[in-house]
Amino acid sequence: MTTVAGLMRASALPALETRILLEHVLGWRRTELITRDDEELAEENVGRFEALVQRRAAGEPIAQLVGTREFFGLEFEVTPDVLIPRPETELLVEIALEQMAGVEAPRVLDLGTGSGAIAIGIASAHPQAHVWAVDRSTQALAVAARNAAKLLDAGRPGGEITLLESNWTDALDPALRFEVIVSNPPYIAQNDPHLFEGDLRFEPRTALTDEADGLAAIRTIVQTAPFFLATGGSLWLEHGYDQAADVRALLTARGFSDVRSERDLAGIERVSGGFFTA
């Protein structure tokens, strides 16, 4: 007889990962894994669990195996077509919300939205915000659309998120102006060994690296964003652990003021930005 307790003991995975996969396969809450750990499990469920364990052992991310990842208090659908939302990116959402404080109906643009985590996080926390989200991947936009439909109130004052297929700002209406522009662009250099390690091996390469020095996409955004910023609007960019000084220099050279970097919970300068008044 196969039980939860037996599978937990036999699993080669860490206990937390084993529990997550069991919850997913069985549709049980964590408390049920405890209170029902001696029940006999259907062979079909045991087979599904063991298949997931094998895939996880081969390196596939937990988020892709279960199809979801929590971000900013919301549960997002995750597929191999989008980056897995990460806790450090919540800093970008928090900064955007700070910049919008006191603005009745702010306009916000998320460049390279992927799963929509940043844009939807902002829209959920600030119902009056009008949010645009662009991505050049039609597959990513489909994921973002499903997440928006699932996670946002259809009657929110700011309306639905505007999703647009675009290579950065290329397809945006030139008349649009935003109080805040945010982006988590591909910032890993093309030869960085991290691309071949851990979860990154299973995520879309185009969302991870610019196939250059890691700053190519950031340069493009810094150059073009001011054309879409309202007077005094701000741009905020997530970047790599060692890129803050370079990003600040790019922002300053483009004419941004009050340029600064903010640290994530690990103490790493993770997000840089500034204001544009020219």
Protein backbone atom coordinates (compact mmCIF):
# COMPACT_ATOMS: atom_id res chain seq x y z
CA MET A 1 0.00 0.00 0.00
CA THR A 2 1.40 3.39 -1.03
CA THR A 3 0.71 6.32 1.28
CA VAL A 4 1.77 9.94 1.59
CA ALA A 5 3.97 9.00 4.54
CA GLY A 6 5.68 6.32 2.49
CA LEU A 7 6.28 8.63 -0.47
CA MET A 8 7.66 11.32 1.82
CA ARG A 9 10.12 8.86 3.33
CA ALA A 10 11.20 7.42 -0.01
CA SER A 11 11.54 10.68 -1.95
CA ALA A 12 15.04 11.76 -2.89
CA LEU A 13 13.86 15.36 -3.13
CA PRO A 14 13.93 17.88 -0.28
CA ALA A 15 10.89 17.54 1.98
CA LEU A 16 9.42 20.90 0.93
CA GLU A 17 9.59 20.03 -2.77
CA THR A 18 8.09 16.62 -2.11
CA ARG A 19 5.18 18.20 -0.25
CA ILE A 20 4.57 20.73 -3.03
CA LEU A 21 4.44 18.00 -5.66
CA LEU A 22 2.14 15.85 -3.54
CA GLU A 23 -0.21 18.77 -2.92
CA HIS A 24 -0.31 19.39 -6.67
CA VAL A 25 -0.93 15.78 -7.67
CA LEU A 26 -3.49 15.00 -4.96
CA GLY A 27 -5.19 18.38 -4.82
CA TRP A 28 -4.77 18.32 -1.05
CA ARG A 29 -3.93 21.14 1.33
CA ARG A 30 -0.78 20.84 3.40
CA THR A 31 -2.77 19.95 6.52
CA GLU A 32 -4.34 17.04 4.63
CA LEU A 33 -0.91 15.61 3.90
CA ILE A 34 -0.53 15.32 7.66
CA THR A 35 -4.00 14.18 8.64
CA ARG A 36 -4.39 11.73 5.74
CA ASP A 37 -0.80 10.53 5.47
CA ASP A 38 -1.74 6.89 6.06
CA GLU A 39 -4.45 6.65 3.37
CA GLU A 40 -3.84 4.39 0.40
CA LEU A 41 -3.23 6.41 -2.76
CA ALA A 42 -4.54 5.60 -6.22
CA GLU A 43 -1.91 4.07 -8.49
CA GLU A 44 -2.58 6.79 -11.06
CA ASN A 45 -1.65 9.52 -8.56
CA VAL A 46 1.42 7.64 -7.43
CA GLY A 47 2.55 7.35 -11.04
CA ARG A 48 1.97 11.06 -11.68
CA PHE A 49 3.92 11.97 -8.55
CA GLU A 50 6.85 9.70 -9.42
CA ALA A 51 6.98 11.15 -12.95
CA LEU A 52 7.19 14.67 -11.51
CA VAL A 53 9.90 13.59 -9.09
CA GLN A 54 11.96 12.30 -12.01
CA ARG A 55 11.50 15.54 -13.92
CA ARG A 56 12.48 17.58 -10.85
CA ALA A 57 15.54 15.38 -10.34
CA ALA A 58 16.50 16.21 -13.93
CA GLY A 59 16.39 19.90 -13.01
CA GLU A 60 12.98 21.14 -14.15
CA PRO A 61 11.78 24.02 -11.96
CA ILE A 62 9.08 23.31 -9.39
CA ALA A 63 7.07 26.26 -10.71
CA GLN A 64 6.88 24.73 -14.17
CA LEU A 65 6.02 21.29 -12.80
CA VAL A 66 3.04 22.59 -10.84
CA GLY A 67 2.27 25.43 -13.25
CA THR A 68 2.14 28.26 -10.71
CA ARG A 69 4.31 30.57 -8.62
CA GLU A 70 3.33 33.05 -5.91
CA PHE A 71 4.38 36.66 -6.46
CA PHE A 72 3.32 39.76 -4.52
CA GLY A 73 0.63 37.74 -2.75
CA LEU A 74 -0.87 36.47 -6.02
CA GLU A 75 -0.64 33.03 -7.62
CA PHE A 76 0.52 33.31 -11.23
CA GLU A 77 0.32 30.74 -13.97
CA VAL A 78 3.83 29.82 -15.13
CA THR A 79 4.82 28.05 -18.35
CA PRO A 80 8.15 27.50 -20.14
CA ASP A 81 7.26 30.56 -22.26
CA VAL A 82 7.83 33.01 -19.40
CA LEU A 83 10.29 33.73 -16.64
CA ILE A 84 9.43 32.35 -13.24
CA PRO A 85 8.53 35.33 -11.01
CA ARG A 86 11.12 35.78 -8.27
CA PRO A 87 10.89 37.41 -4.84
CA GLU A 88 13.56 40.01 -5.61
CA THR A 89 11.42 41.40 -8.44
CA GLU A 90 8.76 42.40 -5.91
CA LEU A 91 11.05 45.34 -5.14
CA LEU A 92 10.28 46.74 -8.60
CA VAL A 93 6.56 46.62 -7.87
CA GLU A 94 7.04 48.28 -4.49
CA ILE A 95 9.07 51.12 -6.00
CA ALA A 96 6.50 51.69 -8.73
CA LEU A 97 3.73 51.91 -6.15
CA GLU A 98 5.76 54.42 -4.13
CA GLN A 99 6.17 56.63 -7.21
CA MET A 100 2.42 56.50 -7.87
CA ALA A 101 1.44 57.59 -4.37
CA GLY A 102 -0.71 60.70 -4.50
CA VAL A 103 -1.46 60.36 -8.23
CA GLU A 104 -5.18 59.74 -8.66
CA ALA A 105 -5.10 57.67 -11.85
CA PRO A 106 -1.46 57.02 -12.72
CA ARG A 107 -0.43 55.53 -16.05
CA VAL A 108 2.12 52.73 -15.81
CA LEU A 109 4.03 50.83 -18.48
CA ASP A 110 5.69 47.44 -17.97
CA LEU A 111 8.23 46.62 -20.67
CA GLY A 112 8.82 42.91 -21.27
CA THR A 113 5.93 41.76 -19.12
CA GLY A 114 6.33 37.98 -19.48
CA SER A 115 3.80 36.34 -17.16
CA GLY A 116 2.43 39.78 -16.32
CA ALA A 117 3.63 39.51 -12.72
CA ILE A 118 4.90 43.09 -12.41
CA ALA A 119 2.02 44.75 -14.27
CA ILE A 120 -0.64 42.67 -12.50
CA GLY A 121 1.01 43.16 -9.12
CA ILE A 122 0.85 46.93 -9.65
CA ALA A 123 -2.72 46.85 -10.98
CA SER A 124 -3.90 44.68 -8.09
CA ALA A 125 -2.35 46.93 -5.44
CA HIS A 126 -3.44 50.18 -7.13
CA PRO A 127 -6.93 49.65 -8.63
CA GLN A 128 -7.03 53.19 -10.08
CA ALA A 129 -3.83 52.73 -12.11
CA HIS A 130 -4.06 52.45 -15.88
CA VAL A 131 -1.55 49.77 -16.79
CA TRP A 132 0.01 48.89 -20.14
CA ALA A 133 2.16 45.78 -20.54
CA VAL A 134 4.16 44.89 -23.64
CA ASP A 135 6.14 41.87 -24.75
CA ARG A 136 7.47 40.70 -28.10
CA SER A 137 6.43 37.12 -27.36
CA THR A 138 2.87 36.22 -28.30
CA GLN A 139 3.13 33.14 -26.08
CA ALA A 140 4.11 35.25 -23.08
CA LEU A 141 1.28 37.69 -23.74
CA ALA A 142 -1.18 34.79 -23.76
CA VAL A 143 0.05 33.75 -20.30
CA ALA A 144 -0.17 37.35 -19.08
CA ALA A 145 -3.72 37.64 -20.41
CA ARG A 146 -4.82 34.52 -18.55
CA ASN A 147 -3.19 35.75 -15.35
CA ALA A 148 -4.84 39.16 -15.66
CA ALA A 149 -8.25 37.60 -16.21
CA LYS A 150 -7.82 35.32 -13.20
CA LEU A 151 -6.23 37.74 -10.73
CA LEU A 152 -7.72 41.18 -11.39
CA ASP A 153 -11.18 42.48 -10.58
CA ALA A 154 -13.00 43.03 -13.87
CA GLY A 155 -14.58 46.15 -12.41
CA ARG A 156 -11.37 47.83 -11.22
CA PRO A 157 -11.49 51.63 -11.81
CA GLY A 158 -8.32 51.56 -13.89
CA GLY A 159 -9.87 49.09 -16.30
CA GLU A 160 -8.28 46.07 -17.88
CA ILE A 161 -4.53 45.92 -18.45
CA THR A 162 -3.66 46.86 -22.03
CA LEU A 163 -1.51 44.05 -23.45
CA LEU A 164 0.47 44.82 -26.58
CA GLU A 165 2.88 42.82 -28.73
CA SER A 166 5.90 45.07 -29.12
CA ASN A 167 9.67 45.04 -29.14
CA TRP A 168 10.05 47.37 -26.19
CA THR A 169 8.37 50.68 -27.14
CA ASP A 170 8.34 50.14 -30.92
CA ALA A 171 4.58 49.51 -31.28
CA LEU A 172 3.39 52.01 -28.67
CA ASP A 173 1.30 55.00 -29.70
CA PRO A 174 3.80 57.91 -29.69
CA ALA A 175 1.20 60.08 -27.95
CA LEU A 176 1.15 57.91 -24.83
CA ARG A 177 2.74 59.27 -21.66
CA PHE A 178 3.30 57.43 -18.39
CA GLU A 179 4.02 58.52 -14.85
CA VAL A 180 6.03 55.33 -14.25
CA ILE A 181 7.80 52.89 -16.57
CA VAL A 182 9.20 49.65 -15.17
CA SER A 183 11.08 46.75 -16.69
CA ASN A 184 12.79 43.52 -15.77
CA PRO A 185 14.68 43.09 -19.06
CA PRO A 186 17.14 40.36 -20.07
CA TYR A 187 20.33 41.39 -18.29
CA ILE A 188 22.51 38.29 -18.17
CA ALA A 189 25.58 38.39 -20.42
CA GLN A 190 25.60 35.80 -23.19
CA ASN A 191 28.55 33.83 -21.78
CA ASP A 192 27.47 33.92 -18.14
CA PRO A 193 27.69 30.36 -16.73
CA HIS A 194 24.48 30.90 -14.74
CA LEU A 195 22.54 30.45 -17.99
CA PHE A 196 23.47 26.80 -17.91
CA GLU A 197 22.63 26.17 -14.26
CA GLY A 198 19.51 25.51 -12.20
CA ASP A 199 16.10 26.79 -13.26
CA LEU A 200 17.55 29.12 -15.91
CA ARG A 201 18.18 26.14 -18.18
CA PHE A 202 14.42 25.69 -18.55
CA GLU A 203 13.35 29.34 -18.89
CA PRO A 204 13.15 31.27 -22.19
CA ARG A 205 16.66 32.35 -23.12
CA THR A 206 15.42 35.53 -24.81
CA ALA A 207 14.01 36.70 -21.47
CA LEU A 208 17.30 36.04 -19.70
CA THR A 209 20.09 37.30 -21.95
CA ASP A 210 20.50 40.03 -24.54
CA GLU A 211 23.10 37.83 -26.27
CA ALA A 212 25.59 40.62 -25.59
CA ASP A 213 27.11 42.14 -22.47
CA GLY A 214 23.92 42.12 -20.39
CA LEU A 215 23.31 45.83 -20.80
CA ALA A 216 22.07 46.00 -24.41
CA ALA A 217 18.36 45.85 -23.57
CA ILE A 218 18.84 48.27 -20.69
CA ARG A 219 20.58 50.74 -23.02
CA THR A 220 17.66 50.57 -25.44
CA ILE A 221 15.09 51.15 -22.71
CA VAL A 222 17.02 54.02 -21.16
CA GLN A 223 17.28 55.72 -24.55
CA THR A 224 13.64 55.29 -25.61
CA ALA A 225 11.67 55.48 -22.34
CA PRO A 226 11.91 59.27 -22.00
CA PHE A 227 9.80 59.70 -25.14
CA PHE A 228 6.94 58.05 -23.25
CA LEU A 229 7.39 59.58 -19.81
CA ALA A 230 5.18 62.37 -18.53
CA THR A 231 7.10 65.37 -17.24
CA GLY A 232 8.70 64.30 -13.98
CA GLY A 233 7.91 60.66 -14.66
CA SER A 234 10.31 57.94 -13.61
CA LEU A 235 11.92 54.81 -15.04
CA TRP A 236 12.92 51.83 -12.89
CA LEU A 237 14.91 48.84 -14.07
CA GLU A 238 15.78 45.53 -12.47
CA HIS A 239 19.35 44.47 -13.23
CA GLY A 240 22.11 42.10 -12.22
CA TYR A 241 23.90 42.10 -8.88
CA ASP A 242 26.98 43.85 -10.35
CA GLN A 243 25.32 46.23 -12.84
CA ALA A 244 24.00 49.03 -10.63
CA ALA A 245 26.85 51.48 -11.27
CA ASP A 246 26.65 50.92 -15.03
CA VAL A 247 22.88 51.39 -15.08
CA ARG A 248 23.11 54.58 -13.02
CA ALA A 249 25.70 55.91 -15.45
CA LEU A 250 23.43 55.16 -18.43
CA LEU A 251 20.50 56.91 -16.75
CA THR A 252 22.57 59.96 -15.85
CA ALA A 253 24.02 60.23 -19.36
CA ARG A 254 20.48 60.18 -20.82
CA GLY A 255 19.45 63.10 -18.64
CA PHE A 256 17.66 61.41 -15.77
CA SER A 257 17.85 63.14 -12.40
CA ASP A 258 17.83 61.89 -8.81
CA VAL A 259 19.26 58.63 -10.10
CA ARG A 260 19.60 55.95 -7.43
CA SER A 261 19.70 52.23 -6.80
CA GLU A 262 17.59 50.29 -4.32
CA ARG A 263 18.64 47.11 -2.52
CA ASP A 264 16.63 43.90 -2.31
CA LEU A 265 16.16 41.85 0.86
CA ALA A 266 19.55 40.24 0.32
CA GLY A 267 21.19 43.67 0.38
CA ILE A 268 21.99 43.62 -3.35
CA GLU A 269 21.49 46.73 -5.48
CA ARG A 270 18.72 45.20 -7.61
CA VAL A 271 16.73 48.12 -9.07
CA SER A 272 17.96 51.46 -10.42
CA GLY A 273 16.01 54.40 -11.75
CA GLY A 274 15.51 58.11 -11.94
CA PHE A 275 13.24 60.94 -13.06
CA PHE A 276 12.98 62.69 -16.40
CA THR A 277 11.95 66.32 -16.75
CA ALA A 278 13.58 67.40 -20.04
